[in-house]
Protein backbone atom coordinates (compact mmCIF):
# COMPACT_ATOMS: atom_id res chain seq x y z
CA MET A 1 117.59 -2.65 40.33
CA LYS A 2 114.95 -1.90 42.85
CA LEU A 3 114.07 1.30 41.01
CA ARG A 4 113.33 -0.50 37.79
CA THR A 5 111.13 -3.01 39.60
CA SER A 6 109.13 -0.24 41.16
CA ARG A 7 108.46 1.41 37.77
CA ARG A 8 107.32 -1.90 36.34
CA VAL A 9 104.82 -2.34 39.16
CA ARG A 10 103.42 1.13 38.60
CA LEU A 11 103.01 0.51 34.86
CA VAL A 12 101.12 -2.74 35.41
CA ALA A 13 98.90 -1.09 37.97
CA ALA A 14 98.18 1.74 35.55
CA LEU A 15 97.24 -0.71 32.82
CA LEU A 16 94.90 -2.60 35.18
CA VAL A 17 93.18 0.64 36.31
CA ALA A 18 92.69 2.03 32.76
CA PRO A 19 89.91 -0.43 31.66
CA VAL A 20 88.02 0.30 34.85
CA ALA A 21 88.15 4.01 34.14
CA LEU A 22 87.05 3.57 30.52
CA THR A 23 84.19 1.23 31.37
CA PRO A 24 81.64 4.05 32.19
CA MET A 25 82.46 5.69 28.87
CA LEU A 26 82.07 2.52 26.86
CA ALA A 27 78.87 1.46 28.67
CA ALA A 28 77.10 4.76 27.92
CA PRO A 29 73.80 4.17 26.00
CA ALA A 30 73.50 4.85 22.24
CA TYR A 31 70.80 7.45 22.80
CA ALA A 32 72.87 9.68 24.93
CA GLN A 33 72.02 13.35 24.59
CA PHE A 34 74.13 15.51 22.33
CA GLY A 35 73.74 19.05 21.19
CA PHE A 36 73.84 21.11 18.02
CA GLY A 37 74.46 24.76 18.45
CA GLY A 38 73.24 24.78 22.02
CA ILE A 39 70.10 22.66 21.30
CA VAL A 40 70.02 19.40 23.16
CA TYR A 41 68.64 16.46 21.11
CA ASP A 42 67.33 13.44 22.95
CA PRO A 43 66.58 10.49 20.54
CA SER A 44 64.63 8.65 23.23
CA ASN A 45 62.30 11.59 23.81
CA TYR A 46 61.89 12.18 20.09
CA ALA A 47 60.89 8.54 19.47
CA GLN A 48 58.39 8.70 22.33
CA ASN A 49 56.86 11.88 20.90
CA VAL A 50 56.58 10.33 17.43
CA LEU A 51 54.84 7.28 18.89
CA THR A 52 52.45 9.47 20.88
CA ALA A 53 51.65 11.53 17.79
CA ALA A 54 50.98 8.38 15.74
CA ARG A 55 48.60 7.08 18.41
CA SER A 56 46.82 10.42 18.53
CA LEU A 57 46.48 10.43 14.72
CA GLN A 58 45.02 6.94 14.82
CA GLN A 59 42.48 8.02 17.46
CA ILE A 60 41.50 11.00 15.35
CA THR A 61 41.14 8.73 12.30
CA ASN A 62 38.97 6.37 14.29
CA GLN A 63 36.81 9.27 15.48
CA ILE A 64 36.42 10.55 11.90
CA THR A 65 35.41 7.08 10.73
CA SER A 66 32.92 6.85 13.58
CA LEU A 67 31.42 10.22 12.68
CA GLN A 68 31.16 9.19 9.05
CA ASN A 69 29.34 6.02 10.04
CA GLN A 70 26.97 7.99 12.24
CA ALA A 71 26.32 10.46 9.44
CA GLN A 72 25.60 7.61 7.01
CA SER A 73 23.29 6.05 9.57
CA LEU A 74 21.40 9.34 9.92
CA ILE A 75 21.17 9.59 6.13
CA ASN A 76 19.76 6.07 5.98
CA GLN A 77 17.28 6.84 8.70
CA ALA A 78 16.21 9.99 6.88
CA ARG A 79 15.69 7.95 3.72
CA ASN A 80 13.68 5.34 5.59
CA LEU A 81 11.52 8.08 7.15
CA ALA A 82 11.04 10.01 3.91
CA SER A 83 7.42 10.13 2.81
CA LEU A 84 6.31 8.99 -0.65
CA PRO A 85 5.90 12.09 -2.86
CA TYR A 86 2.99 10.50 -4.75
CA SER A 87 -0.58 9.71 -3.72
CA ALA A 88 -3.27 7.94 -5.73
CA LEU A 89 -5.89 8.42 -2.99
CA GLN A 90 -7.85 11.14 -4.75
CA GLN A 91 -8.15 9.21 -8.01
CA LEU A 92 -9.19 6.03 -6.18
CA GLN A 93 -11.81 7.91 -4.19
CA GLN A 94 -13.19 9.43 -7.37
CA SER A 95 -13.54 5.98 -8.93
CA VAL A 96 -15.37 4.70 -5.86
CA GLN A 97 -17.64 7.72 -5.84
CA ARG A 98 -18.54 7.21 -9.51
CA THR A 99 -19.57 3.64 -8.81
CA GLN A 100 -21.53 4.65 -5.71
CA SER A 101 -23.31 7.35 -7.70
CA LEU A 102 -24.44 4.79 -10.28
CA LEU A 103 -25.74 2.51 -7.55
CA SER A 104 -27.64 5.36 -5.90
CA GLN A 105 -29.41 6.11 -9.19
CA ALA A 106 -31.16 2.74 -9.19
CA GLN A 107 -34.62 3.10 -10.73
CA ASN A 108 -37.91 2.37 -8.98
CA ILE A 109 -36.52 0.01 -6.29
CA ALA A 110 -33.42 1.34 -4.53
CA TYR A 111 -30.75 -0.67 -2.70
CA ASP A 112 -32.65 -0.37 0.55
CA VAL A 113 -34.21 -3.15 2.59
CA GLN A 114 -37.34 -1.18 3.53
CA SER A 115 -37.88 -0.04 -0.04
CA ILE A 116 -37.53 -3.59 -1.33
CA ASP A 117 -39.95 -5.00 1.27
CA ARG A 118 -42.51 -2.32 0.49
CA ALA A 119 -42.28 -2.86 -3.26
CA PHE A 120 -42.59 -6.60 -3.00
CA GLN A 121 -45.55 -6.29 -0.64
CA LEU A 122 -47.43 -4.00 -3.04
CA LYS A 123 -46.38 -5.30 -6.47
CA TYR A 124 -44.94 -8.77 -6.12
CA GLY A 125 -47.07 -10.37 -3.40
CA SER A 126 -50.08 -12.58 -3.86
CA THR A 127 -52.60 -11.09 -6.27
CA ALA A 128 -55.57 -9.73 -4.33
CA MET A 129 -58.83 -11.34 -5.38
CA SER A 130 -60.57 -8.02 -4.90
CA ALA A 131 -58.25 -6.15 -7.27
CA SER A 132 -59.84 -4.96 -10.47
CA ASP A 133 -58.63 -6.01 -13.89
CA THR A 134 -57.37 -2.48 -14.40
CA GLN A 135 -55.31 -2.73 -11.19
CA LEU A 136 -53.91 -6.10 -12.24
CA ILE A 137 -52.77 -4.63 -15.58
CA ALA A 138 -51.22 -1.59 -13.84
CA ASP A 139 -49.31 -3.85 -11.39
CA ALA A 140 -48.00 -6.02 -14.21
CA ARG A 141 -46.82 -2.97 -16.09
CA ALA A 142 -45.07 -1.61 -12.96
CA ARG A 143 -43.25 -4.91 -12.49
CA TRP A 144 -42.16 -4.90 -16.12
CA GLN A 145 -40.84 -1.39 -15.73
CA ASN A 146 -38.92 -2.44 -12.61
CA THR A 147 -37.32 -5.32 -14.55
CA VAL A 148 -36.36 -3.14 -17.47
CA GLY A 149 -35.02 -0.47 -15.10
CA GLY A 150 -32.97 -3.09 -13.22
CA LEU A 151 -31.42 -4.32 -16.45
CA GLN A 152 -30.57 -0.75 -17.48
CA ASP A 153 -29.07 -0.03 -14.06
CA ALA A 154 -26.88 -3.13 -14.31
CA MET A 155 -25.64 -2.06 -17.75
CA ARG A 156 -24.85 1.43 -16.46
CA VAL A 157 -22.83 0.01 -13.57
CA GLN A 158 -20.99 -2.25 -15.99
CA ALA A 159 -20.13 0.78 -18.14
CA GLY A 160 -18.87 2.67 -15.08
CA VAL A 161 -16.69 -0.22 -13.95
CA VAL A 162 -15.21 -0.56 -17.46
CA GLY A 163 -14.56 3.18 -17.44
CA ASN A 164 -12.56 2.80 -14.22
CA ILE A 165 -10.27 0.21 -15.78
CA ASP A 166 -8.19 2.79 -17.62
CA THR A 167 -7.84 4.92 -14.49
CA ASN A 168 -6.81 1.87 -12.49
CA ARG A 169 -4.23 0.91 -15.09
CA THR A 170 -2.63 4.38 -14.96
CA GLN A 171 -2.54 4.40 -11.15
CA MET A 172 -1.13 0.89 -11.01
CA SER A 173 1.74 1.80 -13.34
CA ALA A 174 2.52 4.94 -11.35
CA LEU A 175 2.49 3.15 -8.03
CA ILE A 176 4.69 0.33 -9.25
CA GLY A 177 7.16 2.90 -10.52
CA GLN A 178 7.12 4.68 -7.18
CA SER A 179 7.64 1.38 -5.34
CA GLN A 180 10.59 0.40 -7.48
CA GLY A 181 12.18 3.85 -7.09
CA ALA A 182 11.57 4.13 -3.34
CA THR A 183 14.58 5.48 -1.42
CA GLY A 184 13.60 4.09 1.94
CA ALA A 185 11.43 1.63 3.83
CA LEU A 186 8.64 4.16 4.46
CA GLN A 187 8.27 5.05 0.78
CA ALA A 188 8.20 1.38 -0.17
CA ALA A 189 5.57 0.66 2.49
CA GLN A 190 3.42 3.63 1.41
CA ALA A 191 3.59 2.56 -2.22
CA GLY A 192 2.56 -0.94 -1.17
CA ASN A 193 -0.35 0.42 0.87
CA GLN A 194 -1.59 2.42 -2.09
CA LEU A 195 -1.40 -0.64 -4.29
CA LEU A 196 -3.55 -2.45 -1.73
CA ALA A 197 -5.97 0.49 -1.83
CA LEU A 198 -6.14 0.13 -5.60
CA GLN A 199 -6.99 -3.54 -5.21
CA ALA A 200 -9.67 -2.66 -2.66
CA GLN A 201 -11.17 -0.17 -5.13
CA GLN A 202 -11.21 -2.83 -7.85
CA LEU A 203 -12.92 -5.25 -5.45
CA ALA A 204 -15.47 -2.54 -4.69
CA ASP A 205 -16.21 -2.18 -8.41
CA LEU A 206 -16.55 -5.95 -8.73
CA THR A 207 -18.91 -6.05 -5.73
CA ALA A 208 -21.05 -3.27 -7.24
CA LEU A 209 -21.16 -5.08 -10.58
CA ILE A 210 -22.24 -8.35 -8.95
CA ALA A 211 -24.89 -6.52 -6.91
CA ALA A 212 -26.30 -4.72 -9.98
CA ASN A 213 -26.45 -7.92 -12.04
CA GLY A 214 -27.98 -9.79 -9.12
CA ARG A 215 -30.61 -7.08 -8.67
CA ALA A 216 -31.58 -7.25 -12.35
CA GLN A 217 -31.88 -11.03 -12.24
CA ALA A 218 -33.87 -10.91 -9.03
CA LEU A 219 -36.32 -8.38 -10.49
CA GLN A 220 -36.72 -10.49 -13.60
CA SER A 221 -37.36 -13.64 -11.56
CA ALA A 222 -39.76 -11.78 -9.27
CA GLU A 223 -41.66 -10.45 -12.28
CA GLN A 224 -42.01 -13.98 -13.67
CA ALA A 225 -43.26 -15.29 -10.33
CA ALA A 226 -45.75 -12.43 -9.97
CA ALA A 227 -46.94 -12.88 -13.54
CA ALA A 228 -47.56 -16.57 -12.88
CA ALA A 229 -49.59 -15.70 -9.76
CA GLN A 230 -51.57 -13.04 -11.64
CA GLY A 231 -52.20 -15.44 -14.50
CA GLN A 232 -53.70 -17.92 -12.07
CA GLU A 233 -56.00 -15.26 -10.65
CA GLN A 234 -57.11 -14.13 -14.07
CA ARG A 235 -57.81 -17.73 -15.13
CA ARG A 236 -59.81 -18.29 -11.95
CA ARG A 237 -61.89 -15.23 -12.70
CA PHE A 238 -62.38 -16.36 -16.27
CA LEU A 239 -63.57 -19.79 -15.21
CA THR A 240 -65.73 -18.69 -12.26
CA PRO A 241 -69.45 -19.29 -13.03
CA GLY A 242 -71.63 -16.18 -13.14
CA SER A 243 -68.89 -13.61 -12.81
CA GLY A 244 -66.63 -15.21 -15.32
CA TYR A 245 -67.04 -15.57 -19.03
CA GLN A 246 -70.68 -15.43 -20.22
CA PRO A 247 -71.42 -16.78 -23.67
CA GLY A 248 -73.62 -14.67 -25.90
CA ASN A 249 -74.84 -14.33 -29.43
CA ALA A 250 -72.54 -12.60 -31.83
CA LYS A 251 -73.62 -11.20 -35.13
CA MET A 252 -70.93 -10.78 -37.64
CA PHE A 253 -73.08 -9.42 -40.46
CA GLN A 254 -76.29 -7.42 -40.43
CA PRO A 255 -79.25 -8.86 -42.41
CA GLY A 256 -79.37 -7.45 -45.91
CA ASN A 257 -75.66 -6.63 -46.04
């Protein structure tokens, strides 16, 4: 009887100890190492390596994107710094030179302050009482030639300005095309500057035209004023007793004819 009781106690004790012995085995983590053909595989290490590789790939992708942005920025800067491959400067300078050449060919009285003062002092001033009739006629003829020359000069400048219109139209069309097709800020600015230069050349032509017309009108008015002064002097001489007009006998037919 005692023997059976002792066996029962041992069996219960064994059953109580068994869960404690199995607990470490059951509590082992799911990622425990196991091997295949002598190669140890660690899932935890593999997952960590995959995560590290993904992060590295993302960093490389970010660096590539950054390099692409920098390259695009350099391309944009190069475009903005690219110079305009077209220049209208030579054509504009030639137009200005043509107009200046016409102005420099002014007849008799040039566009010069000293020349104008000298001409007006000699030809357009008060008629000298001591001047001979021959001198008065010569001065009047010189003034008439100055007026005619001034009118001709004005018409020549007008013709030159009209001739520049076609050149200006061609340059304006080319510059607008260059401005619209500009690849960067510098090209657009240079095209705009050349358009401003074209406007300046047109204003120069307009100024020359106004100056030539004004010169012709001034010469015509000066001639009229000088002619009025000379007419007064000639009338004074005509009416002056003794040295003026002397009546005399005039025979229209000879006796017997």
